[in-house]
Amino acid sequence: MTQLHGTDGLGFGQRPLHQITIPGTHDAGCYVDHAFGNMLSRTQTQDVGHQLAGGIRYFDLRPYQASYVGGREFWTFHGPYTGGRLDGPAGILAQVANFLGALQATDRELVILNLSHFGWAMPFKDADHQALIDALQQILGDHLVPHTQAALNLFDAPYDTILTDANGVTASRVAVLYDGALDQRREAYVTANMASLPAGLFVLSPKYTPAANPIYLFDQYANTNDLAALQADQLTKLNNRANYPYSGVNEAWAQQAGNWTPNAAGGVNGTLHLFSWTLTPQPYSDPLTAANARSNPALPRVFSVGDRVVRADGRVSACAGQAWTAWNYVPGTDNQINILYVDHYASHRYVNLGSPFTGLAMPVAFAAQLNVGPVRPMTW
């Protein structure tokens, strides 16, 4: 983001988030290797600190609380297994704080944490929510976006405005989407306290109805183990978003909301579109294998023609030298992708010696290029 911010003529600092593309990771906290297998759990191979260093800026985190006599801890989960710890001196929040704290004063990074699916085996109680919010404030501190939802529309404000505090200090920041999954039921604590959430924490509509600055996140995965079905599903949703309801949850807020607003080139006010390039392989294999062998190598089919993609083990993928005949995404012309979201993000690197993004993990390189605009020929 700092590199894009400093690119002459790009105007990155004045863009709203709905005109920016960010690389993200599905179940970002689930990087723990389990002795009994990873089929239902592990989705990443690096902890969040290393994901940040690799260029990821949007993180799907699913907290649960582990209570014990005298206190509680917060961990992440996916399916029946746990991931990394969220709080604590070496936890995910500390990794985010350490990353931001090590940046230069002139850097311009924005990290987005989407916390959702609270509870795992035990649903969150009000005291759990309050303890987690206290941990967010204590650990992230001044790194949190210095604006409340009442004061700023996170998805519409210029990028630099999001990063700038009341004293005019602009710095790298972190924003938290709290209970940011529309396929989950409302949390009573959030409904009762959304007006008093601290700066840096934001809620999504139509699930919640803040007094000002509603924001929307289209996030509908394909729920398939078939690569062709994944591509068809996500491209159809990208281009025909108005055909889909806001949520499948059988609750009044979801039923009354109707369908999504149509997508557009350059995005839509107040709305981010998440392109979920994730297979659902369970119970046939694990997410790491599916991402490494099938979904991530296929990203060039969507985003470029004739590129070489090199696996993490150094081997050139099978798509080298081929001109893909599948649908290709043209940035600046086709409907906006705001979050490019994957499993096992580090499995393949993008290689094009003529590109400033060569050597980056493939979803990071593609997201970066989507912010720059169309390139002809499309060999990024």
Protein backbone atom coordinates (compact mmCIF):
# COMPACT_ATOMS: atom_id res chain seq x y z
CA MET A 1 0.00 0.00 0.00
CA THR A 2 2.87 2.36 0.72
CA GLN A 3 4.31 1.61 -2.71
CA LEU A 4 0.96 2.34 -4.35
CA HIS A 5 0.51 5.45 -2.23
CA GLY A 6 3.80 6.83 -3.50
CA THR A 7 3.19 6.06 -7.17
CA ASP A 8 2.94 9.30 -9.14
CA GLY A 9 -0.38 9.88 -10.82
CA LEU A 10 -2.17 7.02 -9.08
CA GLY A 11 -4.03 9.19 -6.56
CA PHE A 12 -4.09 6.32 -4.09
CA GLY A 13 -4.24 8.55 -1.01
CA GLN A 14 -7.45 10.18 -2.21
CA ARG A 15 -9.23 6.99 -3.19
CA PRO A 16 -11.98 5.54 -0.99
CA LEU A 17 -11.69 1.90 -0.03
CA HIS A 18 -14.51 1.01 -2.42
CA GLN A 19 -12.10 1.91 -5.24
CA ILE A 20 -9.15 -0.07 -3.83
CA THR A 21 -8.28 -3.79 -4.01
CA ILE A 22 -6.83 -5.49 -0.91
CA PRO A 23 -5.39 -9.03 -0.63
CA GLY A 24 -6.97 -11.09 2.14
CA THR A 25 -6.82 -14.49 3.82
CA HIS A 26 -9.68 -16.82 4.73
CA ASP A 27 -9.57 -18.03 8.34
CA ALA A 28 -6.31 -16.16 8.73
CA GLY A 29 -5.78 -17.35 12.31
CA CYS A 30 -5.89 -21.04 11.43
CA TYR A 31 -2.23 -21.70 10.68
CA VAL A 32 -1.73 -24.33 13.40
CA ASP A 33 -0.74 -27.82 12.27
CA HIS A 34 -2.90 -30.47 13.95
CA ALA A 35 -1.67 -33.95 14.74
CA PHE A 36 -5.07 -35.43 13.88
CA GLY A 37 -5.15 -33.82 10.43
CA ASN A 38 -6.01 -30.45 8.95
CA MET A 39 -8.97 -31.47 6.82
CA LEU A 40 -11.47 -29.32 8.70
CA SER A 41 -9.28 -26.61 10.09
CA ARG A 42 -5.95 -25.35 8.75
CA THR A 43 -6.23 -22.79 5.96
CA GLN A 44 -2.88 -20.92 6.12
CA THR A 45 0.73 -21.97 6.70
CA GLN A 46 2.02 -18.67 8.15
CA ASP A 47 1.04 -16.80 11.28
CA VAL A 48 -0.52 -13.37 10.87
CA GLY A 49 2.76 -11.56 11.41
CA HIS A 50 4.29 -13.35 8.42
CA GLN A 51 1.11 -12.84 6.39
CA LEU A 52 1.43 -9.11 7.03
CA ALA A 53 5.06 -9.19 5.95
CA GLY A 54 3.96 -11.03 2.80
CA GLY A 55 1.51 -8.28 1.85
CA ILE A 56 -1.84 -9.49 3.22
CA ARG A 57 -3.98 -6.63 4.59
CA TYR A 58 -7.44 -8.16 5.19
CA PHE A 59 -7.83 -10.92 7.77
CA ASP A 60 -10.80 -13.18 8.53
CA LEU A 61 -10.54 -14.01 12.24
CA ARG A 62 -13.01 -16.14 14.21
CA PRO A 63 -12.59 -15.80 17.98
CA TYR A 64 -13.60 -18.06 20.80
CA GLN A 65 -12.94 -17.62 24.47
CA ALA A 66 -11.25 -20.16 26.70
CA SER A 67 -12.37 -19.44 30.27
CA TYR A 68 -10.44 -20.50 33.30
CA VAL A 69 -10.53 -19.65 36.98
CA GLY A 70 -9.73 -15.98 37.28
CA GLY A 71 -9.79 -15.04 33.60
CA ARG A 72 -10.12 -15.90 29.93
CA GLU A 73 -8.04 -16.14 26.76
CA PHE A 74 -9.10 -15.59 23.16
CA TRP A 75 -8.16 -17.97 20.36
CA THR A 76 -9.21 -18.46 16.75
CA PHE A 77 -10.95 -21.45 15.22
CA HIS A 78 -12.18 -23.02 11.96
CA GLY A 79 -14.46 -26.02 12.05
CA PRO A 80 -13.73 -28.32 14.98
CA TYR A 81 -10.14 -27.21 15.61
CA THR A 82 -8.48 -24.17 17.07
CA GLY A 83 -5.94 -21.88 15.48
CA GLY A 84 -3.57 -19.28 16.87
CA ARG A 85 -4.15 -17.25 20.00
CA LEU A 86 -5.71 -13.84 19.45
CA ASP A 87 -4.64 -11.99 22.61
CA GLY A 88 -1.53 -12.42 24.77
CA PRO A 89 2.03 -11.13 24.29
CA ALA A 90 2.69 -13.27 21.20
CA GLY A 91 -0.88 -13.42 19.91
CA ILE A 92 -2.33 -12.26 16.62
CA LEU A 93 -3.21 -8.78 17.87
CA ALA A 94 0.33 -8.33 19.16
CA GLN A 95 1.67 -9.47 15.79
CA VAL A 96 -0.42 -6.75 14.10
CA ALA A 97 0.74 -4.13 16.61
CA ASN A 98 4.38 -5.17 16.17
CA PHE A 99 4.09 -5.00 12.38
CA LEU A 100 2.59 -1.52 12.43
CA GLY A 101 4.98 -0.34 15.11
CA ALA A 102 7.99 -1.35 13.02
CA LEU A 103 6.90 0.66 9.97
CA GLN A 104 8.38 4.02 9.03
CA ALA A 105 6.48 7.20 9.88
CA THR A 106 6.10 7.80 6.15
CA ASP A 107 4.55 4.38 5.46
CA ARG A 108 0.84 4.29 4.61
CA GLU A 109 -0.54 0.83 5.39
CA LEU A 110 -4.10 -0.09 6.38
CA VAL A 111 -4.89 -3.45 7.99
CA ILE A 112 -8.48 -4.67 8.24
CA LEU A 113 -9.47 -7.33 10.80
CA ASN A 114 -12.88 -8.92 10.34
CA LEU A 115 -13.88 -10.56 13.63
CA SER A 116 -16.90 -12.88 13.35
CA HIS A 117 -18.34 -16.32 14.14
CA PHE A 118 -17.90 -15.69 17.87
CA GLY A 119 -17.85 -18.64 20.15
CA TRP A 120 -16.93 -22.05 18.66
CA ALA A 121 -18.29 -24.52 21.27
CA MET A 122 -19.63 -21.82 23.62
CA PRO A 123 -21.40 -18.65 22.37
CA PHE A 124 -19.98 -15.33 23.47
CA LYS A 125 -21.53 -13.64 26.48
CA ASP A 126 -21.62 -9.87 26.93
CA ALA A 127 -18.63 -10.07 29.25
CA ASP A 128 -16.66 -11.93 26.56
CA HIS A 129 -17.37 -9.23 23.99
CA GLN A 130 -16.34 -6.52 26.41
CA ALA A 131 -13.14 -8.35 27.33
CA LEU A 132 -12.27 -8.84 23.65
CA ILE A 133 -12.90 -5.18 22.85
CA ASP A 134 -10.77 -4.21 25.83
CA ALA A 135 -7.98 -6.41 24.44
CA LEU A 136 -8.30 -4.79 21.00
CA GLN A 137 -7.89 -1.36 22.55
CA GLN A 138 -5.09 -2.31 24.92
CA ILE A 139 -2.98 -4.21 22.40
CA LEU A 140 -3.60 -2.19 19.24
CA GLY A 141 -3.79 1.17 21.03
CA ASP A 142 -2.98 4.16 18.82
CA HIS A 143 -2.70 1.90 15.78
CA LEU A 144 -6.50 1.72 15.61
CA VAL A 145 -8.15 3.97 13.02
CA PRO A 146 -8.72 7.20 15.01
CA HIS A 147 -12.37 7.63 13.98
CA THR A 148 -15.69 6.25 15.16
CA GLN A 149 -18.36 5.05 12.78
CA ALA A 150 -20.47 8.08 13.68
CA ALA A 151 -17.67 10.35 12.42
CA LEU A 152 -16.45 8.55 9.30
CA ASN A 153 -17.66 6.22 6.57
CA LEU A 154 -14.83 3.69 6.48
CA PHE A 155 -15.53 2.58 2.91
CA ASP A 156 -16.16 6.04 1.41
CA ALA A 157 -13.61 8.32 3.11
CA PRO A 158 -10.37 9.08 1.23
CA TYR A 159 -7.62 6.65 2.17
CA ASP A 160 -5.49 9.36 3.79
CA THR A 161 -8.45 10.58 5.85
CA ILE A 162 -8.85 7.11 7.37
CA LEU A 163 -5.21 7.17 8.47
CA THR A 164 -5.20 10.74 9.87
CA ASP A 165 -6.11 11.67 13.45
CA ALA A 166 -7.60 14.88 14.85
CA ASN A 167 -4.12 16.38 15.26
CA GLY A 168 -3.34 15.90 11.58
CA VAL A 169 -0.98 12.96 12.16
CA THR A 170 -1.13 10.43 9.31
CA ALA A 171 0.16 6.94 10.07
CA SER A 172 -0.42 3.29 9.24
CA ARG A 173 -3.55 1.99 11.00
CA VAL A 174 -5.80 -0.99 11.66
CA ALA A 175 -9.60 -1.06 11.31
CA VAL A 176 -11.80 -3.73 12.91
CA LEU A 177 -15.07 -4.95 11.41
CA TYR A 178 -16.78 -6.28 14.52
CA ASP A 179 -19.17 -9.19 13.94
CA GLY A 180 -18.56 -8.77 10.23
CA ALA A 181 -20.17 -11.95 8.84
CA LEU A 182 -23.66 -11.63 7.38
CA ASP A 183 -24.25 -15.39 7.46
CA GLN A 184 -24.15 -15.31 11.26
CA ARG A 185 -26.88 -14.11 13.59
CA ARG A 186 -26.69 -10.76 15.33
CA GLU A 187 -24.81 -10.52 18.59
CA ALA A 188 -27.02 -8.98 21.28
CA TYR A 189 -24.03 -7.15 22.74
CA VAL A 190 -23.29 -5.42 19.44
CA THR A 191 -26.93 -4.44 18.91
CA ALA A 192 -27.04 -2.85 22.35
CA ASN A 193 -23.64 -1.16 22.21
CA MET A 194 -22.86 -0.27 18.59
CA ALA A 195 -23.29 3.46 19.28
CA SER A 196 -20.58 3.33 21.94
CA LEU A 197 -18.02 1.14 20.17
CA PRO A 198 -14.57 2.73 20.41
CA ALA A 199 -12.76 4.41 17.55
CA GLY A 200 -11.47 1.91 15.01
CA LEU A 201 -14.35 -0.56 15.41
CA PHE A 202 -17.11 -0.62 12.79
CA VAL A 203 -20.27 -2.67 12.20
CA LEU A 204 -21.75 -3.83 8.89
CA SER A 205 -25.21 -3.14 7.54
CA PRO A 206 -27.90 -4.27 6.95
CA LYS A 207 -27.11 -6.62 9.84
CA TYR A 208 -26.73 -3.59 12.09
CA THR A 209 -28.17 -0.11 11.69
CA PRO A 210 -25.72 2.48 13.03
CA ALA A 211 -26.95 6.04 13.41
CA ALA A 212 -24.65 7.17 10.61
CA ASN A 213 -22.32 5.86 7.91
CA PRO A 214 -23.66 2.37 7.13
CA ILE A 215 -21.12 0.17 5.34
CA TYR A 216 -21.65 -3.07 3.43
CA LEU A 217 -19.42 -6.07 2.68
CA PHE A 218 -20.45 -8.56 -0.01
CA ASP A 219 -18.93 -11.85 1.12
CA GLN A 220 -20.50 -14.97 -0.38
CA TYR A 221 -18.29 -17.98 -0.95
CA ALA A 222 -19.01 -20.62 -3.58
CA ASN A 223 -19.27 -23.62 -1.23
CA THR A 224 -17.93 -26.01 -3.84
CA ASN A 225 -14.99 -28.35 -4.31
CA ASP A 226 -15.12 -27.95 -8.10
CA LEU A 227 -12.77 -25.37 -9.64
CA ALA A 228 -14.97 -24.60 -12.66
CA ALA A 229 -17.96 -24.11 -10.38
CA LEU A 230 -15.89 -21.81 -8.15
CA GLN A 231 -14.92 -19.61 -11.08
CA ALA A 232 -18.46 -19.48 -12.45
CA ASP A 233 -19.90 -18.70 -9.02
CA GLN A 234 -17.56 -15.87 -8.14
CA LEU A 235 -17.59 -14.22 -11.57
CA THR A 236 -21.38 -14.42 -11.70
CA LYS A 237 -21.67 -12.82 -8.27
CA LEU A 238 -19.16 -10.15 -9.23
CA ASN A 239 -21.16 -9.14 -12.28
CA ASN A 240 -24.71 -9.98 -11.18
CA ARG A 241 -24.62 -9.07 -7.52
CA ALA A 242 -28.14 -7.66 -7.56
CA ASN A 243 -29.49 -11.19 -8.07
CA TYR A 244 -28.35 -12.27 -4.61
CA PRO A 245 -29.93 -11.57 -1.21
CA TYR A 246 -27.89 -10.00 1.55
CA SER A 247 -27.86 -13.15 3.64
CA GLY A 248 -29.20 -16.65 3.95
CA VAL A 249 -29.80 -16.23 7.67
CA ASN A 250 -33.49 -16.62 8.44
CA GLU A 251 -33.81 -13.43 10.45
CA ALA A 252 -35.96 -10.36 9.96
CA TRP A 253 -33.07 -8.04 9.10
CA ALA A 254 -31.93 -10.35 6.32
CA GLN A 255 -35.39 -10.92 4.90
CA GLN A 256 -36.21 -7.21 4.85
CA ALA A 257 -32.93 -6.17 3.25
CA GLY A 258 -33.74 -7.65 -0.15
CA ASN A 259 -30.90 -8.06 -2.67
CA TRP A 260 -27.50 -6.46 -2.97
CA THR A 261 -26.93 -3.28 -4.91
CA PRO A 262 -25.42 -3.93 -8.35
CA ASN A 263 -21.64 -3.81 -8.64
CA ALA A 264 -19.90 -1.37 -11.00
CA ALA A 265 -16.53 -0.44 -12.41
CA GLY A 266 -14.93 1.77 -9.79
CA GLY A 267 -17.04 0.27 -7.03
CA VAL A 268 -20.19 1.36 -5.26
CA ASN A 269 -20.44 3.87 -2.43
CA GLY A 270 -20.28 2.31 1.03
CA THR A 271 -19.72 -1.20 -0.32
CA LEU A 272 -16.77 -3.59 -0.62
CA HIS A 273 -16.95 -6.70 -2.81
CA LEU A 274 -15.04 -9.75 -1.60
CA PHE A 275 -13.93 -12.16 -4.35
CA SER A 276 -13.79 -15.47 -2.48
CA TRP A 277 -11.29 -17.65 -4.36
CA THR A 278 -11.62 -20.53 -1.90
CA LEU A 279 -12.62 -24.12 -2.47
CA THR A 280 -14.57 -26.10 0.12
CA PRO A 281 -12.87 -29.50 -0.11
CA GLN A 282 -14.10 -31.10 3.11
CA PRO A 283 -14.46 -34.00 3.70
CA TYR A 284 -12.39 -35.01 0.66
CA SER A 285 -9.13 -33.17 1.33
CA ASP A 286 -7.81 -30.22 3.28
CA PRO A 287 -7.94 -26.51 2.33
CA LEU A 288 -4.15 -26.26 2.00
CA THR A 289 -3.97 -29.01 -0.61
CA ALA A 290 -6.96 -27.63 -2.52
CA ALA A 291 -5.49 -24.13 -2.62
CA ASN A 292 -1.97 -25.23 -3.52
CA ALA A 293 -2.91 -27.74 -6.19
CA ARG A 294 -6.03 -26.22 -7.74
CA SER A 295 -7.46 -22.82 -6.82
CA ASN A 296 -4.35 -20.64 -6.47
CA PRO A 297 -2.63 -21.90 -9.66
CA ALA A 298 -5.85 -21.00 -11.51
CA LEU A 299 -5.80 -17.33 -10.50
CA PRO A 300 -4.01 -16.35 -13.73
CA ARG A 301 -6.99 -17.68 -15.67
CA VAL A 302 -8.98 -14.84 -14.20
CA PHE A 303 -6.42 -12.07 -13.95
CA SER A 304 -3.90 -12.40 -16.77
CA VAL A 305 -2.86 -14.03 -20.02
CA GLY A 306 0.28 -16.08 -20.60
CA ASP A 307 1.99 -15.43 -17.26
CA ARG A 308 4.45 -17.68 -15.50
CA VAL A 309 3.59 -18.62 -11.94
CA VAL A 310 6.24 -20.22 -9.76
CA ARG A 311 5.30 -22.46 -6.88
CA ALA A 312 6.77 -21.95 -3.45
CA ASP A 313 9.01 -24.97 -4.11
CA GLY A 314 10.46 -23.23 -7.19
CA ARG A 315 8.69 -25.24 -9.89
CA VAL A 316 6.99 -23.41 -12.73
CA SER A 317 3.27 -24.10 -12.81
CA ALA A 318 1.58 -25.87 -15.71
CA CYS A 319 0.10 -22.63 -17.04
CA ALA A 320 3.47 -21.24 -18.15
CA GLY A 321 3.43 -19.90 -21.69
CA GLN A 322 -0.26 -20.54 -22.25
CA ALA A 323 -2.67 -17.87 -23.44
CA TRP A 324 -5.75 -18.48 -21.34
CA THR A 325 -9.04 -18.50 -23.21
CA ALA A 326 -11.12 -18.20 -20.06
CA TRP A 327 -12.68 -14.92 -19.00
CA ASN A 328 -10.04 -12.35 -18.03
CA TYR A 329 -10.57 -9.55 -15.57
CA VAL A 330 -9.78 -6.05 -16.86
CA PRO A 331 -9.15 -3.59 -14.01
CA GLY A 332 -10.75 -0.21 -14.47
CA THR A 333 -13.32 -1.67 -16.88
CA ASP A 334 -14.89 -4.66 -15.15
CA ASN A 335 -16.82 -4.56 -11.91
CA GLN A 336 -14.81 -3.72 -8.81
CA ILE A 337 -13.08 -6.36 -6.70
CA ASN A 338 -12.18 -4.90 -3.31
CA ILE A 339 -10.86 -7.95 -1.47
CA LEU A 340 -9.08 -10.84 -3.21
CA TYR A 341 -9.48 -13.60 -0.65
CA VAL A 342 -7.71 -16.98 -0.63
CA ASP A 343 -6.57 -19.99 1.35
CA HIS A 344 -2.82 -20.74 1.65
CA TYR A 345 -1.94 -17.36 0.15
CA ALA A 346 1.84 -18.10 0.07
CA SER A 347 1.60 -21.27 -2.02
CA HIS A 348 2.52 -19.61 -5.34
CA ARG A 349 4.57 -16.57 -6.30
CA TYR A 350 3.97 -14.30 -9.25
CA VAL A 351 6.91 -14.04 -11.64
CA ASN A 352 7.16 -11.39 -14.33
CA LEU A 353 10.51 -9.62 -14.46
CA GLY A 354 8.86 -6.64 -16.12
CA SER A 355 6.47 -6.10 -13.21
CA PRO A 356 7.22 -4.23 -9.96
CA PHE A 357 5.20 -6.93 -8.21
CA THR A 358 7.26 -9.90 -9.34
CA GLY A 359 8.16 -12.27 -6.52
CA LEU A 360 5.12 -11.45 -4.40
CA ALA A 361 2.61 -14.07 -3.38
CA MET A 362 0.22 -14.36 -6.28
CA PRO A 363 -2.93 -12.85 -4.68
CA VAL A 364 -0.85 -9.94 -3.36
CA ALA A 365 0.64 -9.26 -6.79
CA PHE A 366 -2.73 -9.40 -8.52
CA ALA A 367 -4.38 -7.17 -5.92
CA ALA A 368 -1.56 -4.64 -6.27
CA GLN A 369 -1.89 -4.60 -10.04
CA LEU A 370 -5.67 -4.18 -9.86
CA ASN A 371 -5.01 -0.85 -8.14
CA VAL A 372 -2.68 0.28 -10.91
CA GLY A 373 -5.09 -0.39 -13.76
CA PRO A 374 -5.20 -2.27 -17.06
CA VAL A 375 -1.98 -3.26 -18.76
CA ARG A 376 -1.73 -4.20 -22.43
CA PRO A 377 -0.90 -6.86 -23.27
CA MET A 378 -2.26 -8.40 -20.07
CA THR A 379 0.99 -10.01 -18.99
CA TRP A 380 1.41 -8.49 -15.58
